[in-house]
Protein backbone atom coordinates (compact mmCIF):
# COMPACT_ATOMS: atom_id res chain seq x y z
CA MET A 1 41.94 -26.47 -26.36
CA LYS A 2 40.74 -22.98 -25.52
CA THR A 3 38.28 -22.74 -22.63
CA TRP A 4 37.55 -19.00 -22.80
CA PRO A 5 34.42 -19.43 -25.01
CA ILE A 6 32.97 -21.77 -22.37
CA TRP A 7 33.75 -19.22 -19.63
CA ILE A 8 32.15 -16.41 -21.62
CA ALA A 9 29.04 -18.48 -22.35
CA GLY A 10 28.81 -19.54 -18.69
CA THR A 11 29.17 -15.94 -17.55
CA ILE A 12 26.43 -14.78 -19.94
CA VAL A 13 24.07 -17.54 -18.79
CA LEU A 14 24.79 -16.77 -15.11
CA ALA A 15 24.24 -13.03 -15.68
CA ALA A 16 20.95 -13.72 -17.47
CA VAL A 17 19.71 -16.00 -14.68
CA LEU A 18 20.69 -13.48 -11.98
CA HIS A 19 19.06 -10.65 -13.95
CA ILE A 20 15.78 -12.55 -14.31
CA LEU A 21 15.78 -13.54 -10.64
CA THR A 22 16.41 -9.94 -9.63
CA ILE A 23 13.66 -8.54 -11.86
CA PHE A 24 11.07 -11.02 -10.61
CA ALA A 25 12.12 -11.56 -6.98
CA LEU A 26 13.32 -8.11 -5.84
CA PRO A 27 9.89 -6.38 -5.87
CA TYR A 28 8.43 -9.17 -3.70
CA GLY A 29 11.35 -8.91 -1.30
CA ILE A 30 10.93 -5.14 -1.04
CA MET A 31 7.20 -5.49 -0.31
CA ASP A 32 7.73 -8.33 2.17
CA ARG A 33 10.08 -6.09 4.14
CA ALA A 34 7.72 -3.09 3.98
CA MET A 35 4.70 -5.21 4.93
CA ALA A 36 6.54 -6.76 7.88
CA GLY A 37 7.45 -3.32 9.22
CA ILE A 38 3.94 -1.88 8.86
CA ALA A 39 2.26 -5.00 10.26
CA ALA A 40 4.61 -4.92 13.27
CA GLN A 41 3.61 -1.31 14.00
CA ALA A 42 -0.10 -2.08 13.56
CA GLY A 43 -0.04 -5.29 15.60
CA GLY A 44 -0.91 -7.47 12.62
CA VAL A 45 -2.48 -7.41 9.18
CA ASN A 46 -5.80 -5.84 8.20
CA LYS A 47 -5.26 -3.13 10.82
CA ALA A 48 -4.46 0.52 10.17
CA VAL A 49 -1.40 2.16 11.64
CA TYR A 50 -1.14 5.91 12.11
CA PRO A 51 2.56 6.83 12.13
CA ASP A 52 3.82 10.10 13.54
CA PRO A 53 4.38 12.94 11.06
CA VAL A 54 7.52 12.40 9.00
CA THR A 55 10.84 14.08 9.67
CA ALA A 56 14.06 14.26 7.71
CA ALA A 57 15.05 10.91 9.26
CA SER A 58 11.80 9.10 8.37
CA ARG A 59 12.11 6.27 5.89
CA GLY A 60 9.14 4.01 6.62
CA ILE A 61 7.64 5.22 3.35
CA VAL A 62 9.79 5.84 0.29
CA ARG A 63 10.42 9.57 -0.14
CA PRO A 64 7.98 10.75 2.53
CA SER A 65 6.62 14.29 2.46
CA PRO A 66 6.55 16.36 5.68
CA ASP A 67 3.33 18.02 4.39
CA LEU A 68 1.41 14.73 4.51
CA LEU A 69 0.05 12.54 7.25
CA TYR A 70 0.18 8.87 6.34
CA THR A 71 -1.99 5.96 7.37
CA ALA A 72 -0.99 2.46 6.27
CA CYS A 73 -2.49 -1.00 6.36
CA VAL A 74 -1.06 -4.34 5.32
CA TYR A 75 -3.89 -6.30 3.79
CA ASP A 76 -4.32 -10.05 3.62
CA ILE A 77 -7.51 -10.98 1.79
CA GLY A 78 -6.67 -14.64 1.25
CA ALA A 79 -9.44 -15.77 3.61
CA ARG A 80 -11.91 -12.86 3.56
CA PRO A 81 -12.45 -9.57 1.74
CA LEU A 82 -11.59 -6.32 3.45
CA ARG A 83 -13.77 -3.26 4.07
CA ILE A 84 -11.81 -0.03 3.72
CA THR A 85 -13.40 3.12 5.12
CA SER A 86 -12.14 6.63 5.66
CA PRO A 87 -13.43 10.14 6.06
CA VAL A 88 -12.21 12.44 3.31
CA PRO A 89 -11.01 15.78 4.73
CA ASP A 90 -11.44 19.16 3.03
CA THR A 91 -7.85 19.03 1.84
CA TYR A 92 -5.85 16.83 -0.51
CA TRP A 93 -6.41 13.18 0.38
CA SER A 94 -5.64 9.96 -1.46
CA LEU A 95 -5.91 6.21 -1.06
CA SER A 96 -3.47 3.96 -2.94
CA MET A 97 -3.31 0.18 -3.04
CA PHE A 98 -0.16 -1.76 -3.82
CA ALA A 99 0.08 -5.45 -4.74
CA SER A 100 2.69 -7.81 -3.30
CA ASN A 101 5.04 -7.05 -6.21
CA THR A 102 4.93 -3.22 -5.63
CA ASP A 103 2.43 -2.58 -8.47
CA ASN A 104 0.03 0.27 -7.71
CA PHE A 105 -3.34 -1.12 -8.82
CA PHE A 106 -5.84 1.37 -7.40
CA VAL A 107 -5.88 5.07 -6.54
CA VAL A 108 -8.66 7.43 -5.54
CA ASN A 109 -8.36 11.00 -4.27
CA ASP A 110 -10.47 13.70 -2.66
CA ARG A 111 -11.61 15.08 -6.03
CA GLN A 112 -13.09 11.72 -6.99
CA THR A 113 -15.05 11.27 -3.76
CA LYS A 114 -17.95 13.61 -3.25
CA ALA A 115 -19.59 12.27 -0.09
CA GLY A 116 -16.88 13.24 2.41
CA ARG A 117 -16.38 9.56 3.17
CA ILE A 118 -15.22 6.55 1.21
CA GLU A 119 -16.05 2.88 1.59
CA ILE A 120 -14.54 0.18 -0.63
CA ILE A 121 -14.45 -3.61 -0.51
CA LEU A 122 -11.09 -5.16 -1.42
CA ALA A 123 -11.30 -8.76 -2.61
CA THR A 124 -9.52 -11.35 -4.72
CA ASP A 125 -12.53 -11.79 -7.00
CA ASP A 126 -15.80 -10.05 -7.81
CA THR A 127 -17.95 -12.42 -5.75
CA ALA A 128 -17.50 -10.20 -2.67
CA LYS A 129 -20.77 -8.38 -2.23
CA SER A 130 -21.48 -5.91 0.52
CA GLY A 131 -25.27 -5.89 0.27
CA ASN A 132 -25.27 -2.29 -0.91
CA ASP A 133 -23.63 -0.23 -3.64
CA THR A 134 -20.16 -0.32 -2.09
CA PRO A 135 -17.62 -0.65 -4.91
CA VAL A 136 -15.52 -3.82 -5.00
CA VAL A 137 -11.86 -3.50 -5.99
CA ILE A 138 -10.21 -6.69 -7.22
CA ALA A 139 -6.64 -7.02 -5.96
CA PRO A 140 -4.10 -8.81 -8.16
CA SER A 141 -2.54 -10.39 -5.05
CA SER A 142 -3.97 -11.54 -1.75
CA ARG A 143 -1.41 -9.48 0.20
CA GLY A 144 -0.20 -5.92 -0.15
CA ILE A 145 -0.27 -2.41 1.30
CA ILE A 146 -2.96 0.25 1.48
CA LEU A 147 -1.65 3.79 1.91
CA PHE A 148 -3.74 6.83 2.84
CA ARG A 149 -2.27 10.32 2.46
CA SER A 150 -3.71 13.54 3.91
CA LEU A 151 -2.30 17.01 3.27
CA ILE A 152 -1.59 19.24 6.25
CA ALA A 153 -2.34 22.68 4.78
CA SER A 154 -1.23 24.50 7.95
CA ASP A 155 -0.08 23.81 11.49
CA ALA A 156 -3.52 24.91 12.70
CA ALA A 157 -5.19 22.24 10.49
CA ARG A 158 -2.97 19.38 11.72
CA PRO A 159 -5.12 18.29 14.72
CA GLU A 160 -8.30 18.13 12.63
CA VAL A 161 -6.66 16.24 9.76
CA ASP A 162 -4.96 13.89 12.21
CA ALA A 163 -8.26 13.16 13.99
CA LEU A 164 -9.93 12.37 10.66
CA ARG A 165 -7.15 10.10 9.41
CA ARG A 166 -7.31 8.10 12.65
CA GLN A 167 -10.85 7.11 11.63
CA SER A 168 -9.48 5.29 8.55
CA ARG A 169 -10.03 1.56 8.81
CA CYS A 170 -9.28 -1.65 6.95
CA GLU A 171 -11.22 -4.51 8.54
CA PRO A 172 -12.19 -7.97 7.35
CA LEU A 173 -15.80 -8.42 6.29
């Protein structure tokens, strides 16, 4: 009796199972590792960290740009919503939010904010109210990463942009 059809079928089933596990589990593993690193630098979750400017050896952020200053925050809104605030400098600036599976679910940049400052509530549902007109962003996961980027237009502008980015906060309500 030939056993090669059983081996081929078993190999196909094993490959399919491994493929599905990789597709669904790998993004969570990547984010868990990134969140652990950022949270360790910040001293916990729901706290901003202000890393040094990137160099050719920097790899804390995928494909970092030496023209940008980064601020990062690992969020955990399982218990309480988070208030995110930041001044918006007179240069390129953006705020991106990533879910626990690496999905980018929210982005805003300097052209979309007119007040020179941004304030957002991040929550798991729309019941989070701030008492004013602060927009509420609904996260698809209770954990993830918030990433601020600020362009350094010149070496002379670096201290001012750095001082502004250090005012970025992500704090529980």
